Protein backbone atom coordinates (compact mmCIF):
# COMPACT_ATOMS: atom_id res chain seq x y z
CA MET A 1 20.24 -21.58 -8.21
CA ALA A 2 22.97 -20.83 -5.62
CA THR A 3 22.90 -23.92 -3.51
CA ASP A 4 25.46 -26.09 -4.34
CA GLN A 5 23.93 -29.46 -4.73
CA ALA A 6 26.74 -31.50 -2.86
CA VAL A 7 25.94 -30.45 -0.07
CA ALA A 8 23.04 -32.57 1.98
CA TRP A 9 20.70 -31.93 4.91
CA PRO A 10 23.18 -30.77 8.11
CA ARG A 11 22.25 -31.88 11.75
CA ARG A 12 19.69 -30.30 13.39
CA HIS A 13 20.39 -27.20 15.43
CA ARG A 14 18.26 -24.08 16.62
CA PRO A 15 15.10 -22.96 14.81
CA ASP A 16 14.68 -19.14 14.04
CA TYR A 17 13.06 -18.00 17.38
CA ILE A 18 12.99 -14.53 16.00
CA LEU A 19 10.62 -15.76 13.36
CA LEU A 20 7.88 -17.50 15.80
CA ILE A 21 8.17 -14.25 18.33
CA LEU A 22 7.19 -11.99 15.71
CA VAL A 23 4.37 -13.97 14.46
CA LEU A 24 3.53 -14.24 18.28
CA ILE A 25 3.11 -10.28 18.11
CA LEU A 26 1.43 -9.94 15.07
CA LEU A 27 -1.25 -12.73 16.47
CA THR A 28 -1.60 -10.82 19.34
CA ILE A 29 -2.15 -7.78 17.37
CA GLY A 30 -4.90 -9.62 15.57
CA VAL A 31 -6.33 -10.79 18.63
CA VAL A 32 -6.58 -7.05 20.70
CA VAL A 33 -8.10 -5.91 17.79
CA ILE A 34 -10.90 -8.67 17.58
CA TYR A 35 -11.70 -8.17 21.02
CA SER A 36 -12.19 -4.34 21.17
CA ILE A 37 -14.58 -4.52 17.97
CA SER A 38 -16.54 -7.68 19.08
CA PRO A 39 -19.64 -5.56 21.00
CA ALA A 40 -19.98 -4.30 18.03
CA LEU A 41 -19.47 -6.88 16.05
CA SER A 42 -22.15 -9.03 17.85
CA LEU A 43 -24.39 -6.18 18.17
CA THR A 44 -24.55 -5.23 13.52
CA ASN A 45 -24.48 -9.56 13.41
CA ASN A 46 -27.02 -10.36 16.22
CA VAL A 47 -24.46 -13.11 18.00
CA GLY A 48 -23.13 -13.63 21.41
CA GLN A 49 -20.62 -10.99 22.69
CA ASN A 50 -17.66 -13.12 22.51
CA TYR A 51 -18.79 -15.06 19.51
CA PHE A 52 -15.89 -13.25 17.09
CA ILE A 53 -13.30 -13.55 19.87
CA ASP A 54 -13.54 -16.82 20.63
CA LYS A 55 -13.57 -17.79 17.39
CA GLN A 56 -10.57 -15.99 16.67
CA LEU A 57 -8.93 -17.75 19.80
CA LEU A 58 -9.76 -21.36 18.69
CA SER A 59 -8.86 -20.59 15.13
CA ILE A 60 -5.28 -19.61 16.79
CA ALA A 61 -5.41 -22.74 18.82
CA ILE A 62 -6.14 -25.25 15.70
CA GLY A 63 -3.22 -23.19 13.93
CA PHE A 64 -0.82 -24.18 16.96
CA ILE A 65 -2.49 -27.61 16.76
CA VAL A 66 -0.98 -28.23 12.84
CA PHE A 67 2.05 -25.81 12.80
CA GLY A 68 3.40 -28.54 15.90
CA LEU A 69 2.46 -30.97 13.29
CA ALA A 70 4.84 -28.63 10.21
CA ILE A 71 7.92 -28.79 12.60
CA TRP A 72 7.50 -32.39 14.36
CA LEU A 73 7.02 -33.95 10.29
CA PRO A 74 10.51 -33.49 8.26
CA ILE A 75 10.22 -31.68 4.88
CA SER A 76 10.85 -35.39 2.93
CA PHE A 77 6.92 -36.03 3.90
CA TRP A 78 5.28 -33.34 2.76
CA LYS A 79 7.30 -33.51 -0.79
CA ARG A 80 6.32 -37.33 -0.97
CA LEU A 81 2.72 -35.59 -0.51
CA GLN A 82 2.56 -32.89 -3.15
CA ASN A 83 1.01 -34.92 -5.86
CA PRO A 84 -2.25 -36.21 -3.29
CA LEU A 85 -2.63 -32.68 -1.82
CA ILE A 86 -3.05 -31.31 -5.15
CA VAL A 87 -5.75 -34.18 -5.87
CA ILE A 88 -7.26 -33.20 -2.43
CA ALA A 89 -7.03 -29.52 -2.57
CA GLY A 90 -9.25 -29.99 -6.47
CA LEU A 91 -11.87 -32.04 -5.20
CA SER A 92 -12.49 -29.68 -2.05
CA ALA A 93 -12.71 -26.64 -4.64
CA ILE A 94 -15.31 -28.86 -6.94
CA ALA A 95 -16.56 -29.70 -4.04
CA VAL A 96 -17.42 -25.75 -2.29
CA ARG A 97 -18.84 -25.31 -6.00
CA LEU A 98 -21.26 -28.08 -5.74
CA PHE A 99 -21.97 -27.63 -1.75
CA GLY A 100 -20.74 -24.40 -1.25
CA GLN A 101 -23.29 -21.53 -0.15
CA GLU A 102 -23.17 -18.75 -2.61
CA VAL A 103 -22.25 -15.04 -1.41
CA ASN A 104 -21.76 -12.10 -3.32
CA GLY A 105 -21.86 -14.39 -6.31
CA ALA A 106 -18.60 -16.25 -5.06
CA TYR A 107 -18.36 -20.07 -4.01
CA ARG A 108 -15.62 -19.69 -1.32
CA TRP A 109 -16.47 -21.94 1.47
CA ILE A 110 -18.24 -25.04 2.92
CA GLN A 111 -19.80 -25.81 5.81
CA ILE A 112 -18.53 -28.81 7.93
CA GLY A 113 -19.98 -29.68 10.86
CA GLY A 114 -20.84 -26.21 11.67
CA ILE A 115 -16.99 -24.93 10.36
CA SER A 116 -16.25 -22.79 7.41
CA PHE A 117 -13.83 -23.87 5.24
CA GLN A 118 -12.36 -22.01 2.32
CA SER A 119 -11.00 -24.46 -0.23
CA ALA A 120 -9.18 -21.81 -1.53
CA GLU A 121 -6.32 -21.62 1.31
CA LEU A 122 -5.85 -25.60 0.80
CA ILE A 123 -5.20 -24.98 -2.46
CA LYS A 124 -2.64 -22.52 -1.73
CA ILE A 125 -0.48 -25.11 0.49
CA ALA A 126 -1.26 -28.17 -2.15
CA LEU A 127 0.31 -25.51 -4.96
CA LEU A 128 3.51 -24.53 -2.29
CA ILE A 129 4.01 -28.11 -2.04
CA TRP A 130 3.40 -29.44 -5.31
CA LEU A 131 5.62 -26.51 -7.23
CA ALA A 132 8.98 -26.86 -5.03
CA GLY A 133 8.92 -30.33 -5.71
CA PHE A 134 8.37 -30.41 -9.18
CA LEU A 135 10.65 -27.14 -10.02
CA SER A 136 13.22 -28.56 -7.55
CA ASN A 137 13.33 -32.07 -9.61
CA ARG A 138 13.63 -30.02 -12.56
CA ILE A 139 16.64 -28.36 -11.81
CA ARG A 140 18.24 -31.20 -10.50
CA SER A 141 17.44 -33.10 -13.92
CA GLY A 142 18.54 -29.60 -15.43
CA THR A 143 15.42 -29.80 -17.39
CA LEU A 144 14.18 -26.01 -16.30
CA GLY A 145 14.81 -24.61 -19.77
CA ASP A 146 13.08 -27.35 -21.40
CA SER A 147 9.57 -25.96 -22.66
CA ARG A 148 7.72 -29.58 -22.60
CA LYS A 149 8.84 -30.76 -19.24
CA THR A 150 8.69 -27.35 -17.39
CA LEU A 151 6.78 -24.25 -18.90
CA TYR A 152 4.11 -26.52 -20.34
CA PRO A 153 3.11 -28.07 -17.34
CA VAL A 154 3.49 -25.04 -15.17
CA LEU A 155 1.25 -23.30 -17.33
CA GLY A 156 -1.22 -25.97 -17.37
CA CYS A 157 -1.03 -25.91 -13.30
CA LEU A 158 -1.96 -21.98 -14.31
CA LEU A 159 -4.47 -22.54 -16.42
CA ILE A 160 -6.23 -25.06 -13.83
CA LEU A 161 -5.93 -22.63 -11.36
CA VAL A 162 -7.91 -19.82 -13.14
CA PHE A 163 -10.53 -21.84 -13.83
CA VAL A 164 -11.04 -23.41 -10.86
CA VAL A 165 -10.58 -20.43 -8.42
CA ALA A 166 -11.33 -17.26 -10.58
CA GLY A 167 -13.69 -19.21 -12.76
CA LEU A 168 -16.01 -21.49 -10.40
CA GLN A 169 -14.90 -19.94 -7.35
CA SER A 170 -15.27 -16.39 -8.41
CA ASP A 171 -12.16 -15.21 -6.08
CA LEU A 172 -10.02 -13.39 -8.38
CA GLY A 173 -8.13 -12.09 -4.90
CA SER A 174 -6.93 -15.51 -4.12
CA THR A 175 -6.26 -16.38 -7.78
CA GLY A 176 -3.31 -13.30 -7.95
CA VAL A 177 -2.01 -14.04 -4.53
CA MET A 178 -1.31 -17.94 -5.95
CA ILE A 179 -0.08 -16.28 -9.27
CA VAL A 180 2.85 -14.32 -7.57
CA MET A 181 3.34 -17.56 -6.08
CA ILE A 182 3.83 -19.21 -9.38
CA ALA A 183 6.24 -16.29 -10.87
CA CYS A 184 8.39 -15.64 -7.78
CA MET A 185 8.98 -19.54 -7.22
CA THR A 186 9.54 -20.06 -11.26
CA PHE A 187 11.68 -17.22 -11.22
CA VAL A 188 13.79 -17.99 -7.77
CA ALA A 189 14.38 -21.48 -9.68
CA GLY A 190 15.84 -20.24 -12.75
CA MET A 191 13.55 -20.85 -15.52
CA PRO A 192 14.08 -18.76 -18.72
CA LEU A 193 12.99 -14.97 -18.17
CA LYS A 194 11.71 -15.25 -21.92
CA ARG A 195 9.35 -17.81 -20.94
CA ILE A 196 7.91 -16.32 -17.49
CA ALA A 197 7.20 -13.18 -19.71
CA LEU A 198 5.12 -15.47 -22.10
CA VAL A 199 3.19 -16.41 -18.93
CA ALA A 200 2.90 -12.73 -17.83
CA LEU A 201 1.10 -12.19 -21.02
CA ILE A 202 -1.33 -15.19 -20.55
CA VAL A 203 -2.02 -13.98 -17.07
CA VAL A 204 -2.71 -10.33 -18.40
CA ALA A 205 -4.93 -11.87 -21.05
CA LEU A 206 -6.51 -13.61 -18.53
CA PHE A 207 -7.75 -11.23 -15.78
CA GLY A 208 -8.60 -8.94 -18.33
CA ILE A 209 -11.73 -11.44 -19.69
CA ALA A 210 -12.32 -12.31 -15.99
CA ILE A 211 -13.19 -8.50 -15.64
CA ALA A 212 -14.31 -8.02 -18.75
CA ILE A 213 -17.21 -10.40 -17.91
CA ALA A 214 -18.24 -9.60 -14.15
CA PRO A 215 -19.75 -6.63 -13.87
CA TYR A 216 -19.03 -6.20 -10.42
CA ARG A 217 -15.49 -6.33 -11.24
CA LEU A 218 -15.41 -3.78 -13.81
CA GLY A 219 -16.97 -1.65 -11.08
CA ARG A 220 -14.25 -1.92 -8.40
CA ILE A 221 -12.10 -1.02 -11.57
CA GLU A 222 -14.08 1.94 -12.06
CA THR A 223 -14.26 2.77 -7.94
CA TYR A 224 -10.30 2.29 -7.80
CA LEU A 225 -9.96 4.95 -10.49
CA HIS A 226 -13.01 7.61 -8.70
CA PRO A 227 -13.44 6.36 -5.27
CA SER A 228 -15.12 9.79 -4.39
CA SER A 229 -17.64 9.65 -7.22
CA ASN A 230 -19.25 6.23 -6.07
CA CYS A 231 -19.16 6.37 -2.04
CA LEU A 232 -23.08 5.47 -1.49
CA THR A 233 -22.96 2.62 -4.07
CA THR A 234 -20.31 0.50 -5.07
CA GLY A 235 -17.55 2.97 -3.99
CA TYR A 236 -18.85 3.01 -0.42
CA GLN A 237 -16.19 0.05 1.42
CA ALA A 238 -13.86 1.85 -0.19
CA CYS A 239 -14.65 5.30 1.06
CA GLN A 240 -15.59 4.08 4.53
CA ALA A 241 -12.03 2.53 4.30
CA LEU A 242 -10.32 5.94 4.06
CA ILE A 243 -12.36 7.70 6.57
CA SER A 244 -11.61 4.91 9.05
CA VAL A 245 -7.76 5.49 8.40
CA GLY A 246 -7.63 9.06 8.37
CA SER A 247 -10.02 9.27 11.44
CA GLY A 248 -7.29 7.36 13.44
CA GLY A 249 -5.00 10.88 12.62
CA MET A 250 -1.46 10.33 14.18
CA ILE A 251 -1.81 8.47 17.39
CA GLY A 252 -5.24 6.76 17.00
CA LEU A 253 -9.06 7.42 18.63
CA GLY A 254 -7.74 3.76 21.44
CA LEU A 255 -9.02 0.31 21.76
CA GLY A 256 -12.63 1.73 22.90
CA ARG A 257 -13.35 4.25 20.19
CA SER A 258 -13.84 2.84 17.16
CA VAL A 259 -16.94 4.09 15.10
CA GLN A 260 -16.23 2.30 12.05
CA ALA A 261 -17.20 -1.12 13.48
CA TYR A 262 -20.29 -0.46 14.42
CA GLY A 263 -22.15 -1.26 10.43
CA TYR A 264 -19.90 1.68 8.68
CA LEU A 265 -16.88 -0.49 7.57
CA PRO A 266 -17.86 -3.32 5.65
CA GLU A 267 -16.14 -6.71 6.07
CA ALA A 268 -14.54 -4.73 9.50
CA SER A 269 -13.17 -7.93 11.31
CA ASP A 270 -11.52 -9.52 8.16
CA ASP A 271 -11.03 -7.65 5.07
CA SER A 272 -11.15 -4.26 6.34
CA ILE A 273 -9.17 -5.09 9.28
CA PHE A 274 -6.05 -2.99 8.57
CA ALA A 275 -8.40 0.01 8.64
CA ILE A 276 -9.82 -0.65 12.25
CA TYR A 277 -6.28 -0.95 13.07
CA SER A 278 -5.22 2.66 11.65
CA GLU A 279 -9.00 3.87 13.42
CA LYS A 280 -7.83 2.85 16.65
CA PHE A 281 -3.64 3.08 16.69
CA GLY A 282 -3.01 6.25 14.53
CA PHE A 283 0.16 6.57 11.85
CA ILE A 284 2.00 5.41 14.71
CA GLY A 285 0.82 2.11 15.31
CA ASP A 286 0.77 1.61 11.16
CA VAL A 287 4.05 2.45 11.00
CA ILE A 288 4.68 -0.49 13.98
CA ILE A 289 2.97 -3.44 12.51
CA LEU A 290 4.48 -2.54 8.59
CA GLY A 291 8.29 -2.52 10.57
CA LEU A 292 6.98 -5.50 12.11
CA PHE A 293 5.87 -7.13 8.47
CA VAL A 294 9.05 -5.71 6.99
CA ALA A 295 11.32 -7.59 9.89
CA LEU A 296 9.05 -11.05 9.46
CA PHE A 297 9.85 -10.89 5.23
CA SER A 298 13.62 -10.15 6.04
CA ARG A 299 13.62 -13.18 8.80
CA ILE A 300 11.89 -15.60 5.76
CA LYS A 301 14.38 -14.04 3.13
CA ARG A 302 17.22 -15.01 5.38
CA ILE A 303 15.81 -18.64 5.74
CA ILE A 304 15.70 -18.60 1.76
CA ASP A 305 19.11 -17.72 1.41
CA ARG A 306 20.31 -20.40 3.91
CA ALA A 307 18.01 -23.33 2.67
CA PRO A 308 19.80 -26.86 2.51
CA ASP A 309 18.44 -27.45 -0.76
CA ASP A 310 16.41 -26.27 -3.78
CA PHE A 311 13.12 -28.07 -2.68
CA THR A 312 12.67 -25.62 0.95
CA ARG A 313 14.53 -22.70 -0.51
CA LEU A 314 11.37 -22.63 -3.14
CA LEU A 315 8.97 -23.69 -0.57
CA ALA A 316 10.48 -20.66 1.76
CA VAL A 317 9.85 -18.48 -1.27
CA GLY A 318 6.59 -19.51 -2.14
CA ILE A 319 5.58 -18.24 1.59
CA LEU A 320 7.50 -15.18 1.68
CA ALA A 321 5.59 -14.48 -1.93
CA TRP A 322 1.87 -15.64 -0.08
CA PHE A 323 2.59 -13.48 2.86
CA GLY A 324 3.89 -10.57 1.08
CA SER A 325 1.25 -10.44 -1.30
CA GLN A 326 -1.80 -10.55 0.71
CA THR A 327 0.18 -7.72 3.19
CA LEU A 328 0.14 -5.40 0.17
CA ILE A 329 -2.90 -6.27 -1.56
CA ASN A 330 -5.23 -5.80 1.72
CA ILE A 331 -3.33 -2.71 3.28
CA GLY A 332 -2.96 -1.37 -0.56
CA ALA A 333 -6.85 -1.46 -1.09
CA MET A 334 -7.45 0.34 2.61
CA ILE A 335 -5.49 3.17 1.62
CA GLY A 336 -6.97 3.20 -1.70
CA VAL A 337 -3.57 2.15 -3.89
CA LEU A 338 -5.24 -1.07 -5.01
CA PRO A 339 -8.78 -2.19 -6.03
CA LEU A 340 -10.65 -3.78 -2.85
CA LYS A 341 -10.19 -7.40 -3.08
CA GLY A 342 -11.54 -10.18 -0.52
CA ILE A 343 -8.45 -10.78 0.77
CA THR A 344 -7.09 -11.33 4.46
CA LEU A 345 -4.31 -9.56 6.49
CA PRO A 346 -2.00 -12.52 7.63
CA PHE A 347 -1.80 -12.74 11.47
CA ILE A 348 -4.61 -10.07 11.68
CA SER A 349 -7.81 -10.69 10.10
CA TYR A 350 -10.48 -12.93 12.22
CA GLY A 351 -10.82 -15.94 9.43
CA GLY A 352 -10.61 -19.51 10.62
CA THR A 353 -9.35 -21.45 7.38
CA SER A 354 -6.88 -18.49 6.10
CA LEU A 355 -5.58 -17.93 9.47
CA VAL A 356 -4.95 -22.14 10.45
CA PHE A 357 -3.19 -22.42 6.85
CA VAL A 358 -0.87 -19.26 8.03
CA ILE A 359 0.13 -20.52 10.73
CA PHE A 360 0.84 -24.06 9.07
CA ALA A 361 3.36 -22.72 6.42
CA VAL A 362 4.85 -20.59 9.64
CA GLY A 363 5.63 -23.95 11.21
CA ILE A 364 7.17 -24.92 7.48
CA LEU A 365 9.28 -21.83 8.03
CA PHE A 366 10.21 -23.70 11.63
CA GLN A 367 11.20 -26.71 10.33
CA ILE A 368 13.40 -25.45 7.76
CA SER A 369 15.61 -22.94 9.48
CA ARG A 370 16.48 -26.05 12.02
CA TYR A 371 18.55 -27.06 8.92
CA THR A 372 19.95 -23.90 7.17
CA THR A 373 23.81 -23.61 6.14
CA TYR A 374 26.15 -20.67 6.19
CA ARG A 375 29.77 -20.49 4.16
CA VAL A 376 32.43 -19.92 6.00
CA PRO A 377 36.31 -20.07 5.70
CA ALA A 378 37.77 -23.63 4.31
CA ASN A 379 40.63 -23.27 6.61
CA THR A 380 41.70 -20.48 8.69
CA ASN A 381 43.65 -18.79 5.90
CA GLY A 382 40.01 -17.97 4.65
CA GLU A 383 41.13 -19.69 1.41
CA GLY A 384 37.86 -21.64 0.12
CA MET A 385 34.34 -21.77 1.10
CA ARG A 386 32.92 -24.48 2.76
CA TYR A 387 28.78 -25.29 3.85
CA ASP A 388 28.27 -25.20 7.90
CA ASN A 389 25.44 -25.03 10.03
CA SER A 390 26.84 -24.59 13.66
CA PRO A 391 28.34 -20.77 12.89
CA ASN A 392 28.97 -18.69 16.06
CA GLY A 393 29.26 -22.19 18.61
CA ARG A 394 26.02 -22.46 17.40
CA ARG A 395 24.91 -25.81 19.42
CA ILE A 396 23.84 -28.70 17.76
CA ARG A 397 23.71 -32.52 18.18
CA ARG A 398 26.75 -33.62 16.24
CA THR A 399 29.25 -31.58 14.60
CA TYR A 400 28.21 -31.36 11.04
CA ASN A 401 30.61 -33.03 8.38
CA ALA A 402 29.53 -32.04 4.93
CA ALA A 403 31.25 -34.70 3.11
CA ALA A 404 29.77 -37.79 4.86
CA SER A 405 26.49 -35.66 4.75
CA SER A 406 26.86 -35.64 1.40
CA SER A 407 27.00 -39.32 0.78
CA SER A 408 24.31 -39.80 2.88
CA ARG A 409 22.06 -37.83 0.99
CA ALA A 410 23.21 -39.35 -2.16
């Protein structure tokens, strides 16, 4: 990888507040949309008028608590927990299958004290931390290209994910997001492309089998190819989503004038939230929210480029792949570019577990951004390069000495 392993953890400096501002803006947009459709949702679900907005605010509050935990604990703490987290995530997946409720043929949630918990979100975090630790160790030992030590364990992890998430829980959407995370992290780590291509072929075969053995998945593919021919049956949600997006026009219908939220568009608060947003804010609103996501992803890319070591770099890559793939799948499904999947739009969709873990991942990014490093000229003549973490007069606790930091890390 591009990061010089001789460089250790620099002194802590000012974190990336622009990242945090972008996240807060997206969360605010989500709250506004959920609040505006709460009367419609409460009417169709026979609950109190403030039920959905109250739960959304509660989820954000819990999210900020775990955000604080993520920025308080050092990154090395999570690396030490990589194996226990995998075990806990696996047990949670089994518990969901054994004790969870079946919804539309899938087992994705379990009730804990009146709160729904989705184990797939915990699995994403556990996978992210474990794979970053595993690959960074292989980079350090020089065995990244060794099939026995690297490829086979990654392939085994992939097969277990497919069996647990796609098989036991029938959650093909979350499985796809995790596969994108694995692909991006292994590619950035430097795994040979031939081995990545081999894994990709296996993934395609497994997805083909998963679709072929489930009639409802075949129905979704048929609906995706011919949406207008099944608008009253399997293509109902896809058609209603397109109606919702199209009815927004250029400037939208306004906050209090949503029609589709009154029972016409299924999953209006979570999977279909982008369609509802488009109905309210129109094409201009769509451009704004897409611009916010692009700006967020660019800030994460900036953190990746300046991450202090391989572990933190791979963590940031996995989070970018996670957020990016979910955004692409959710929005793509709502505009008819991709098949429908039960994937939430990060920071915008209504949801407890998904929202909490997404905010937690932002906390990890925020923590990494405190230690980013920069290449600067080694002397006034511009000859040579060295690492520093105090560019443009940035205030830090002490002057960062790369040589001293390197020796302390060793």
